[in-house]
Amino acid sequence: MADLLARDATAQIAALQAKAVSAVELLQAAVARHEATHGELNAVVATGVERALLQAKAIDELRVRGESLGPLAGLPMTVKDTFDVAGLAASSGLAELRRRQAHDAAAVAGARRGGAVIWGKTNVPVMAADWQSDNALYGATNNPWDLERTPGGSSGGAAAALAARVTALEIGSDIGGSLRVPASFCGVYAHKPSWGLVSQRGHVPPAPGSLVQRDLNVVGPMARSARDLRLLLSLIAEAAVAPAAPPPAFSQLRIGLWLDEPLLPLDPEVREVVEAFAAEAAQAGAQVQPVRSPVDVAALLDAYILLLSATLSEDMPEAAIRRMELMRPGARLARASGAGPFSRAASVLGYTARHREWMAADAVRARLRHETGELFRRFDVLMAPIAPVPAFKHDRRPFDARKLKTSDGKELPYTTMLGWIALATACHLPATAVPAGRTRAGLPVGVQLIGPYGADSKTLGVAQALEEQVRGFEAPPEGI
């Protein structure tokens, strides 16, 4: 059964369809894997196994009778704890939020309609507001590649559970790299959709029950393969996703490699991994060409942080506002971490953006997105780093005191984590995170494949082509 759990979701579904395993057996195996690793990882923090077993039994009975079933029928999966699930209200790291009656969030309902058996919730930071998944309610989640390090945030529990073969599919969200950063830190796949493609209804924040579709925030799939991303996205998207086409021929694949930007620091070892991955892609036949920054990065960062500040000032539960330690209270970090665009941009965090300022930032965003058009006429995707560093050690100091340390001994402001992910987020573009390799210390590094607005099928197709021709998911060392 361990071999089956190590396969991606598509392969597990094939085993279910072939009746090589029952939905009940696969669910029990996933739960057993969770129980065996929970003490070390703390990835899945709430479960509803009894309800899930009833659903799995019902699916098994329907399959025996030859009934028509959904594409995920019988597949056990977990969901990030910022999404409401029937019987498992989203806590978002706060005890008072989980004491609610909840219905399935829109994306969760899509997966359930496809036949997924949802049995657990994965850990997050308080109100999804950090690059570490730690809260007073459930504690910290550890990275399966190095238990002293974070798996990232805010979809950190999701990424850790995927890498550790506890689950094969996850639903996450991203407003500040929350899908892409954990994917990079844990060596798994994630897709940040074009903004608006997947409904945010049932995601907390904002306040439970809100119908607000927050600017910048997106809901997307996480998995251990690109084909699994495509499958889950097709079920949770509100709008129709372009039909899944075969991955492009490698000889016709045009990739712009963006690595050089003075305002976006990058650990030398991360750069080394990304360069090696791009070189492998070129050796396999892809056309890879280094490119300069596609937009004015200083303008991008200023606009992005202001838009982010405005989004985070929306209505939230009072308890969350009291406890939230990232972003708004983080304004002091900007003044403590030196000059540059991160300092100027982050200085607006902690203040409600005035409508006039938001309009100005939105105009900058529209201009920058228009300017990316020239790049995407030349290239299928833009390949870029996700995070300036690999997974870092748990840091429970006050947000203002945190620094990122690079392999060559430099210190970077914690808010530098907002840099490489800013283009896709601020401009509402799709970005698929794929594993690129490992540092000399053995830590995973991912890259993001960015495409024009609405080109989700293209970035996912390129991700699958790279997986098939270059490299894909690699499991952490045995023992986890």
Protein backbone atom coordinates (compact mmCIF):
# COMPACT_ATOMS: atom_id res chain seq x y z
CA MET A 1 0.00 0.00 0.00
CA ALA A 2 2.93 2.36 0.62
CA ASP A 3 3.83 2.08 -3.06
CA LEU A 4 0.30 3.11 -4.03
CA LEU A 5 0.36 6.12 -1.69
CA ALA A 6 3.61 7.22 -3.32
CA ARG A 7 1.91 7.43 -6.72
CA ASP A 8 0.23 10.60 -7.93
CA ALA A 9 -3.53 11.07 -7.80
CA THR A 10 -4.07 10.01 -11.40
CA ALA A 11 -2.34 6.67 -10.75
CA GLN A 12 -4.27 6.15 -7.51
CA ILE A 13 -7.53 6.81 -9.35
CA ALA A 14 -6.55 4.26 -12.01
CA ALA A 15 -6.03 1.67 -9.26
CA LEU A 16 -9.46 2.47 -7.84
CA GLN A 17 -11.09 2.18 -11.25
CA ALA A 18 -9.37 -1.15 -11.87
CA LYS A 19 -10.63 -2.35 -8.47
CA ALA A 20 -7.05 -3.07 -7.43
CA VAL A 21 -7.88 -1.22 -4.23
CA SER A 22 -11.14 -0.05 -2.69
CA ALA A 23 -11.90 3.52 -1.65
CA VAL A 24 -12.14 2.36 1.96
CA GLU A 25 -8.75 0.63 1.81
CA LEU A 26 -7.07 3.66 0.21
CA LEU A 27 -8.61 6.02 2.76
CA GLN A 28 -7.48 3.79 5.64
CA ALA A 29 -3.97 3.69 4.20
CA ALA A 30 -3.84 7.49 3.90
CA VAL A 31 -5.05 7.93 7.47
CA ALA A 32 -2.51 5.36 8.69
CA ARG A 33 0.24 7.26 6.87
CA HIS A 34 -0.92 10.45 8.57
CA GLU A 35 -0.88 8.80 11.98
CA ALA A 36 2.62 7.41 11.37
CA THR A 37 4.06 10.79 10.40
CA HIS A 38 1.96 13.23 12.42
CA GLY A 39 4.27 13.37 15.40
CA GLU A 40 7.12 14.58 13.20
CA LEU A 41 5.25 16.66 10.61
CA ASN A 42 2.03 17.98 12.16
CA ALA A 43 0.69 18.55 8.65
CA VAL A 44 -2.93 17.31 8.94
CA VAL A 45 -4.39 18.99 12.02
CA ALA A 46 -8.10 18.13 11.94
CA THR A 47 -9.85 15.01 10.65
CA GLY A 48 -13.33 13.77 9.85
CA VAL A 49 -12.54 10.13 9.20
CA GLU A 50 -15.91 8.62 10.17
CA ARG A 51 -17.81 10.78 7.69
CA ALA A 52 -15.18 10.07 5.04
CA LEU A 53 -15.44 6.31 5.60
CA LEU A 54 -19.19 6.44 4.97
CA GLN A 55 -18.58 8.28 1.70
CA ALA A 56 -15.83 5.82 0.67
CA LYS A 57 -18.10 2.84 1.39
CA ALA A 58 -20.89 4.38 -0.70
CA ILE A 59 -18.50 4.92 -3.61
CA ASP A 60 -17.27 1.33 -3.39
CA GLU A 61 -20.84 0.07 -3.56
CA LEU A 62 -21.62 2.24 -6.58
CA ARG A 63 -18.47 1.03 -8.32
CA VAL A 64 -19.37 -2.62 -7.73
CA ARG A 65 -22.78 -1.95 -9.27
CA GLY A 66 -21.16 -0.37 -12.31
CA GLU A 67 -22.63 3.08 -11.70
CA SER A 68 -21.19 6.15 -13.40
CA LEU A 69 -18.77 7.92 -11.06
CA GLY A 70 -16.86 11.20 -11.03
CA PRO A 71 -13.23 11.51 -12.13
CA LEU A 72 -11.94 11.55 -8.52
CA ALA A 73 -14.31 8.88 -7.22
CA GLY A 74 -12.89 7.31 -4.07
CA LEU A 75 -9.67 9.35 -3.95
CA PRO A 76 -8.84 10.44 -0.37
CA MET A 77 -7.65 14.03 -0.12
CA THR A 78 -7.08 16.81 2.38
CA VAL A 79 -7.86 20.51 2.18
CA LYS A 80 -6.08 23.60 3.50
CA ASP A 81 -7.63 24.79 6.78
CA THR A 82 -8.68 28.12 5.32
CA PHE A 83 -11.54 26.41 3.44
CA ASP A 84 -14.84 25.49 5.01
CA VAL A 85 -15.65 21.79 4.73
CA ALA A 86 -18.94 20.27 5.89
CA GLY A 87 -18.22 19.07 9.41
CA LEU A 88 -14.79 20.75 9.45
CA ALA A 89 -15.15 24.51 9.57
CA ALA A 90 -12.06 26.48 8.58
CA SER A 91 -10.17 27.57 11.68
CA SER A 92 -7.49 29.57 9.86
CA GLY A 93 -5.46 28.93 13.00
CA LEU A 94 -8.05 30.38 15.42
CA ALA A 95 -10.03 28.23 17.87
CA GLU A 96 -13.12 30.46 17.74
CA LEU A 97 -13.47 30.06 14.00
CA ARG A 98 -13.66 26.27 14.05
CA ARG A 99 -16.67 26.33 16.39
CA ARG A 100 -19.10 26.95 13.52
CA GLN A 101 -21.47 25.04 11.33
CA ALA A 102 -19.98 25.09 7.85
CA HIS A 103 -20.85 24.11 4.32
CA ASP A 104 -18.32 23.12 1.68
CA ALA A 105 -16.44 26.02 0.15
CA ALA A 106 -17.03 26.38 -3.58
CA ALA A 107 -13.74 24.72 -4.55
CA VAL A 108 -14.27 21.93 -2.02
CA ALA A 109 -17.74 21.31 -3.43
CA GLY A 110 -16.21 20.98 -6.90
CA ALA A 111 -13.78 18.32 -5.71
CA ARG A 112 -16.52 16.50 -3.83
CA ARG A 113 -18.77 16.50 -6.91
CA GLY A 114 -15.89 14.78 -8.68
CA GLY A 115 -16.01 12.03 -6.05
CA ALA A 116 -13.12 13.05 -3.79
CA VAL A 117 -13.25 11.69 -0.24
CA ILE A 118 -12.21 14.63 1.94
CA TRP A 119 -10.99 13.45 5.33
CA GLY A 120 -8.65 16.08 6.78
CA LYS A 121 -7.55 19.70 7.06
CA THR A 122 -3.93 20.85 6.72
CA ASN A 123 -2.19 23.44 8.86
CA VAL A 124 -1.82 27.16 8.15
CA PRO A 125 -0.53 30.29 9.86
CA VAL A 126 -3.08 32.51 11.59
CA MET A 127 -5.43 33.89 8.92
CA ALA A 128 -3.09 32.55 6.23
CA ALA A 129 -0.73 35.40 6.95
CA ASP A 130 2.85 34.11 7.01
CA TRP A 131 5.41 32.05 5.09
CA GLN A 132 5.51 29.64 8.04
CA SER A 133 2.59 27.39 9.02
CA ASP A 134 2.41 27.85 12.77
CA ASN A 135 -0.37 28.90 15.14
CA ALA A 136 -1.28 28.64 18.82
CA LEU A 137 -4.17 26.28 18.07
CA TYR A 138 -2.29 23.50 16.29
CA GLY A 139 1.41 24.38 16.56
CA ALA A 140 4.00 24.35 13.79
CA THR A 141 4.21 22.13 10.73
CA ASN A 142 7.65 20.78 9.86
CA ASN A 143 9.22 20.31 6.45
CA PRO A 144 9.58 16.61 5.56
CA TRP A 145 12.97 17.35 3.96
CA ASP A 146 14.32 18.84 7.22
CA LEU A 147 12.17 18.85 10.34
CA GLU A 148 13.94 21.94 11.68
CA ARG A 149 12.66 23.97 8.71
CA THR A 150 9.31 25.35 7.71
CA PRO A 151 7.37 23.84 4.80
CA GLY A 152 6.36 27.38 3.91
CA GLY A 153 3.04 29.15 4.17
CA SER A 154 0.32 29.67 4.06
CA SER A 155 -0.41 26.32 2.34
CA GLY A 156 2.44 24.73 4.29
CA GLY A 157 0.56 21.84 5.84
CA ALA A 158 -0.76 21.01 2.39
CA ALA A 159 2.70 20.93 0.80
CA ALA A 160 4.18 18.88 3.66
CA ALA A 161 1.35 16.34 3.46
CA LEU A 162 1.82 16.00 -0.30
CA ALA A 163 5.59 15.55 -0.08
CA ALA A 164 5.24 13.00 2.72
CA ARG A 165 2.70 10.97 0.70
CA VAL A 166 -0.08 11.55 3.24
CA THR A 167 -2.33 12.96 0.52
CA ALA A 168 -2.21 13.04 -3.27
CA LEU A 169 -4.27 16.17 -3.88
CA GLU A 170 -4.80 19.45 -2.06
CA ILE A 171 -6.64 22.72 -2.47
CA GLY A 172 -4.66 25.80 -1.44
CA SER A 173 -4.74 29.55 -1.89
CA ASP A 174 -2.28 32.31 -2.74
CA ILE A 175 -2.14 36.05 -2.13
CA GLY A 176 1.53 36.41 -1.23
CA GLY A 177 3.02 33.23 -2.66
CA SER A 178 0.99 30.90 -0.44
CA LEU A 179 0.69 28.17 -3.10
CA ARG A 180 4.04 28.64 -4.79
CA VAL A 181 6.34 29.10 -1.79
CA PRO A 182 5.30 25.87 0.01
CA ALA A 183 5.51 24.01 -3.31
CA SER A 184 9.08 25.26 -3.74
CA PHE A 185 10.06 24.53 -0.14
CA CYS A 186 8.67 20.96 -0.23
CA GLY A 187 9.39 19.99 -3.85
CA VAL A 188 5.78 19.59 -5.03
CA TYR A 189 3.53 21.11 -7.71
CA ALA A 190 1.03 23.95 -7.38
CA HIS A 191 -0.94 26.16 -9.72
CA LYS A 192 -1.80 29.78 -9.01
CA PRO A 193 -4.70 30.36 -11.44
CA SER A 194 -5.55 33.51 -13.31
CA TRP A 195 -7.44 35.69 -10.84
CA GLY A 196 -11.15 34.91 -10.78
CA LEU A 197 -10.91 31.48 -12.40
CA VAL A 198 -11.74 29.65 -9.15
CA SER A 199 -14.29 31.00 -6.67
CA GLN A 200 -13.03 32.10 -3.26
CA ARG A 201 -16.44 31.52 -1.64
CA GLY A 202 -15.97 29.66 1.63
CA HIS A 203 -12.35 30.75 2.06
CA VAL A 204 -11.43 32.35 5.40
CA PRO A 205 -10.27 35.13 5.35
CA PRO A 206 -12.34 37.21 4.74
CA ALA A 207 -14.95 36.68 7.44
CA PRO A 208 -16.90 33.41 7.33
CA GLY A 209 -19.90 33.71 5.06
CA SER A 210 -18.47 36.61 3.07
CA LEU A 211 -19.12 36.64 -0.67
CA VAL A 212 -16.17 38.95 -1.32
CA GLN A 213 -13.76 37.83 -4.05
CA ARG A 214 -10.63 39.44 -2.63
CA ASP A 215 -8.29 41.21 -5.00
CA LEU A 216 -5.03 39.29 -5.57
CA ASN A 217 -6.21 36.17 -3.74
CA VAL A 218 -6.65 32.97 -5.75
CA VAL A 219 -7.64 29.38 -5.03
CA GLY A 220 -5.73 26.60 -6.75
CA PRO A 221 -4.67 22.94 -6.81
CA MET A 222 -1.57 21.34 -5.30
CA ALA A 223 -0.28 17.88 -6.19
CA ARG A 224 2.72 15.67 -6.94
CA SER A 225 2.36 15.93 -10.72
CA ALA A 226 1.35 18.46 -13.34
CA ARG A 227 -1.35 16.18 -14.73
CA ASP A 228 -2.98 16.09 -11.30
CA LEU A 229 -3.02 19.89 -11.20
CA ARG A 230 -4.85 19.95 -14.52
CA LEU A 231 -7.36 17.35 -13.32
CA LEU A 232 -8.26 19.13 -10.09
CA LEU A 233 -8.37 22.57 -11.69
CA SER A 234 -10.89 21.32 -14.22
CA LEU A 235 -13.20 20.38 -11.34
CA ILE A 236 -12.87 23.44 -9.09
CA ALA A 237 -12.80 26.20 -11.70
CA GLU A 238 -15.95 28.33 -11.99
CA ALA A 239 -15.16 29.26 -15.58
CA ALA A 240 -14.40 26.68 -18.23
CA VAL A 241 -10.73 25.82 -18.47
CA ALA A 242 -9.36 25.26 -21.96
CA PRO A 243 -9.35 21.55 -22.79
CA ALA A 244 -6.23 19.73 -21.73
CA ALA A 245 -4.04 19.46 -24.79
CA PRO A 246 -1.00 17.21 -25.08
CA PRO A 247 2.14 18.86 -23.67
CA PRO A 248 3.89 20.93 -26.34
CA ALA A 249 6.71 19.40 -28.34
CA PHE A 250 9.91 20.28 -26.56
CA SER A 251 11.57 21.53 -29.73
CA GLN A 252 8.78 24.11 -30.07
CA LEU A 253 8.80 25.22 -26.45
CA ARG A 254 9.98 28.82 -25.94
CA ILE A 255 10.96 29.71 -22.38
CA GLY A 256 12.11 33.11 -21.17
CA LEU A 257 14.45 32.70 -18.18
CA TRP A 258 14.22 35.60 -15.72
CA LEU A 259 16.97 35.49 -13.11
CA ASP A 260 18.59 38.91 -13.08
CA GLU A 261 16.88 41.76 -11.27
CA PRO A 262 18.85 43.98 -8.86
CA LEU A 263 15.75 44.68 -6.77
CA LEU A 264 14.96 40.99 -6.28
CA PRO A 265 17.70 39.23 -4.27
CA LEU A 266 18.40 35.55 -4.87
CA ASP A 267 20.43 33.06 -2.86
CA PRO A 268 23.37 31.83 -5.02
CA GLU A 269 22.40 28.21 -4.43
CA VAL A 270 18.81 28.85 -5.51
CA ARG A 271 20.12 30.53 -8.65
CA GLU A 272 22.40 27.57 -9.28
CA VAL A 273 19.47 25.13 -9.14
CA VAL A 274 17.29 27.23 -11.43
CA GLU A 275 20.11 27.68 -13.96
CA ALA A 276 20.80 23.93 -13.96
CA PHE A 277 17.10 23.16 -14.46
CA ALA A 278 16.89 25.60 -17.37
CA ALA A 279 20.03 24.09 -18.89
CA GLU A 280 18.51 20.60 -18.63
CA ALA A 281 15.39 21.86 -20.39
CA ALA A 282 17.52 23.34 -23.17
CA GLN A 283 19.51 20.13 -23.49
CA ALA A 284 16.22 18.23 -23.86
CA GLY A 285 15.31 20.47 -26.80
CA ALA A 286 13.48 23.49 -25.42
CA GLN A 287 14.42 26.97 -26.55
CA VAL A 288 15.53 28.76 -23.38
CA GLN A 289 16.65 32.38 -23.52
CA PRO A 290 17.61 34.68 -20.63
CA VAL A 291 15.47 37.82 -20.44
CA ARG A 292 15.62 41.09 -18.58
CA SER A 293 12.90 42.14 -16.16
CA PRO A 294 9.66 42.22 -18.15
CA VAL A 295 8.36 45.24 -16.20
CA ASP A 296 9.56 48.11 -14.01
CA VAL A 297 10.09 46.08 -10.83
CA ALA A 298 10.16 49.10 -8.49
CA ALA A 299 6.76 50.19 -9.80
CA LEU A 300 5.52 46.61 -9.58
CA LEU A 301 6.50 46.22 -5.92
CA ASP A 302 5.07 49.57 -4.90
CA ALA A 303 1.76 48.83 -6.61
CA TYR A 304 1.59 45.25 -5.35
CA ILE A 305 2.18 46.07 -1.69
CA LEU A 306 -0.35 48.88 -1.77
CA LEU A 307 -2.94 46.62 -3.39
CA LEU A 308 -2.12 43.95 -0.81
CA SER A 309 -2.55 46.43 2.02
CA ALA A 310 -5.95 47.44 0.68
CA THR A 311 -7.02 43.81 0.37
CA LEU A 312 -5.94 42.91 3.90
CA SER A 313 -7.89 45.84 5.34
CA GLU A 314 -11.19 44.21 4.32
CA ASP A 315 -13.59 43.00 6.99
CA MET A 316 -12.14 40.20 9.14
CA PRO A 317 -13.23 38.62 12.42
CA GLU A 318 -12.28 40.77 15.40
CA ALA A 319 -10.23 37.98 16.95
CA ALA A 320 -8.24 37.61 13.76
CA ILE A 321 -7.50 41.32 13.63
CA ARG A 322 -6.24 41.20 17.22
CA ARG A 323 -3.93 38.25 16.59
CA MET A 324 -2.79 38.83 13.06
CA GLU A 325 0.95 39.47 13.19
CA LEU A 326 1.74 39.77 9.52
CA MET A 327 1.30 42.60 7.07
CA ARG A 328 -0.48 45.38 8.93
CA PRO A 329 1.57 45.20 12.15
CA GLY A 330 4.54 44.40 9.91
CA ALA A 331 4.80 48.01 8.78
CA ARG A 332 7.59 48.54 11.29
CA LEU A 333 9.71 45.99 9.45
CA ALA A 334 10.03 48.28 6.48
CA ARG A 335 11.54 51.02 8.58
CA ALA A 336 13.92 48.54 10.21
CA SER A 337 15.21 46.81 7.13
CA GLY A 338 16.87 49.52 5.11
CA ALA A 339 16.18 51.31 1.86
CA GLY A 340 14.91 50.02 -1.45
CA PRO A 341 11.57 49.12 -2.95
CA PHE A 342 10.70 46.60 -0.22
CA SER A 343 11.21 49.30 2.37
CA ARG A 344 9.18 51.89 0.46
CA ALA A 345 6.43 49.45 -0.48
CA ALA A 346 6.19 47.65 2.84
CA SER A 347 5.89 50.98 4.66
CA VAL A 348 2.26 51.15 3.59
CA LEU A 349 1.49 47.87 5.34
CA GLY A 350 -0.52 48.49 8.47
CA TYR A 351 -2.57 51.30 6.94
CA THR A 352 -5.83 51.16 5.05
CA ALA A 353 -5.08 52.26 1.53
CA ARG A 354 -7.16 55.22 0.47
CA HIS A 355 -9.37 54.69 -2.51
CA ARG A 356 -7.39 57.17 -4.56
CA GLU A 357 -4.17 55.32 -3.79
CA TRP A 358 -5.78 52.00 -4.71
CA MET A 359 -6.96 53.45 -8.02
CA ALA A 360 -3.45 54.68 -8.77
CA ALA A 361 -1.96 51.28 -7.93
CA ASP A 362 -4.61 49.55 -10.03
CA ALA A 363 -3.69 51.78 -12.97
CA VAL A 364 -0.04 50.83 -12.56
CA ARG A 365 -1.03 47.18 -12.43
CA ALA A 366 -3.01 47.49 -15.67
CA ARG A 367 -0.06 49.17 -17.39
CA LEU A 368 2.40 46.53 -16.20
CA ARG A 369 0.15 43.69 -17.30
CA HIS A 370 -0.16 45.30 -20.72
CA GLU A 371 3.63 45.58 -20.91
CA THR A 372 4.02 41.82 -20.35
CA GLY A 373 2.22 41.29 -23.68
CA GLU A 374 5.43 41.83 -25.65
CA LEU A 375 7.21 39.15 -23.62
CA PHE A 376 4.43 36.61 -24.13
CA ARG A 377 4.44 37.19 -27.86
CA ARG A 378 8.03 35.96 -27.85
CA PHE A 379 7.79 33.18 -25.26
CA ASP A 380 5.28 30.56 -24.17
CA VAL A 381 6.11 31.08 -20.51
CA LEU A 382 8.40 33.06 -18.27
CA MET A 383 10.46 30.85 -15.94
CA ALA A 384 11.46 32.58 -12.70
CA PRO A 385 12.42 31.76 -9.12
CA ILE A 386 9.67 31.57 -6.51
CA ALA A 387 11.45 32.42 -3.27
CA PRO A 388 14.78 34.16 -2.69
CA VAL A 389 15.92 31.32 -0.41
CA PRO A 390 15.16 27.62 0.10
CA ALA A 391 13.17 26.49 3.13
CA PHE A 392 14.46 28.30 6.20
CA LYS A 393 14.57 27.19 9.82
CA HIS A 394 11.55 27.85 12.02
CA ASP A 395 11.67 31.46 13.19
CA ARG A 396 9.27 32.32 16.00
CA ARG A 397 10.67 35.76 16.68
CA PRO A 398 8.36 38.74 16.25
CA PHE A 399 7.68 39.34 12.59
CA ASP A 400 9.66 42.56 12.65
CA ALA A 401 12.80 40.78 13.89
CA ARG A 402 12.92 38.04 11.26
CA LYS A 403 15.58 37.93 8.56
CA LEU A 404 16.28 35.57 5.68
CA LYS A 405 19.83 34.21 5.56
CA THR A 406 21.43 33.26 2.25
CA SER A 407 24.03 30.56 1.68
CA ASP A 408 26.73 33.21 1.21
CA GLY A 409 26.03 34.81 4.58
CA LYS A 410 23.84 37.75 3.61
CA GLU A 411 20.73 38.83 5.49
CA LEU A 412 17.57 39.90 3.67
CA PRO A 413 14.38 41.50 4.98
CA TYR A 414 11.66 38.94 5.65
CA THR A 415 9.39 40.84 3.24
CA THR A 416 11.79 39.95 0.42
CA MET A 417 9.58 36.83 0.16
CA LEU A 418 7.09 39.07 -1.65
CA GLY A 419 9.51 39.84 -4.49
CA TRP A 420 9.64 37.10 -7.10
CA ILE A 421 5.99 36.17 -6.66
CA ALA A 422 4.80 39.77 -7.19
CA LEU A 423 4.48 39.83 -10.98
CA ALA A 424 1.97 37.00 -11.30
CA THR A 425 0.03 38.05 -8.22
CA ALA A 426 -0.25 41.78 -8.85
CA CYS A 427 -1.07 41.33 -12.54
CA HIS A 428 -3.51 38.44 -11.96
CA LEU A 429 -1.45 36.08 -14.15
CA PRO A 430 -1.36 32.26 -13.96
CA ALA A 431 1.79 30.68 -12.54
CA THR A 432 2.55 26.98 -12.17
CA ALA A 433 5.13 25.94 -9.57
CA VAL A 434 7.26 22.93 -10.51
CA PRO A 435 10.19 21.20 -8.76
CA ALA A 436 13.53 22.29 -10.23
CA GLY A 437 16.05 20.41 -8.14
CA ARG A 438 17.85 20.61 -4.82
CA THR A 439 20.51 22.76 -3.24
CA ARG A 440 23.87 21.37 -2.16
CA ALA A 441 22.31 20.88 1.27
CA GLY A 442 19.56 18.78 -0.29
CA LEU A 443 16.73 21.29 0.05
CA PRO A 444 14.11 21.48 -2.72
CA VAL A 445 13.89 24.51 -5.01
CA GLY A 446 11.01 25.23 -7.36
CA VAL A 447 10.46 27.56 -10.28
CA GLN A 448 7.29 29.25 -11.44
CA LEU A 449 6.10 29.20 -15.04
CA ILE A 450 4.22 32.45 -15.62
CA GLY A 451 1.89 33.00 -18.56
CA PRO A 452 -0.47 35.66 -19.89
CA TYR A 453 -3.83 36.16 -18.23
CA GLY A 454 -6.16 33.24 -18.93
CA ALA A 455 -3.40 30.98 -20.28
CA ASP A 456 -3.66 28.49 -17.40
CA SER A 457 -3.74 25.52 -19.76
CA LYS A 458 -0.52 26.72 -21.36
CA THR A 459 1.51 27.01 -18.14
CA LEU A 460 0.14 23.66 -16.97
CA GLY A 461 1.01 22.07 -20.31
CA VAL A 462 4.56 23.37 -20.14
CA ALA A 463 4.82 22.09 -16.56
CA GLN A 464 3.80 18.63 -17.72
CA ALA A 465 6.26 18.73 -20.60
CA LEU A 466 9.09 19.65 -18.21
CA GLU A 467 8.01 16.88 -15.85
CA GLU A 468 8.12 14.31 -18.63
CA GLN A 469 11.35 15.50 -20.26
CA VAL A 470 13.45 16.91 -17.41
CA ARG A 471 12.39 16.06 -13.85
CA GLY A 472 9.35 15.67 -11.63
CA PHE A 473 8.53 15.02 -8.00
CA GLU A 474 11.18 13.42 -5.81
CA ALA A 475 10.20 12.06 -2.40
CA PRO A 476 11.99 13.18 0.76
CA PRO A 477 14.43 10.72 2.34
CA GLU A 478 12.98 7.56 3.87
CA GLY A 479 12.14 7.77 7.53
CA ILE A 480 9.53 10.51 7.21
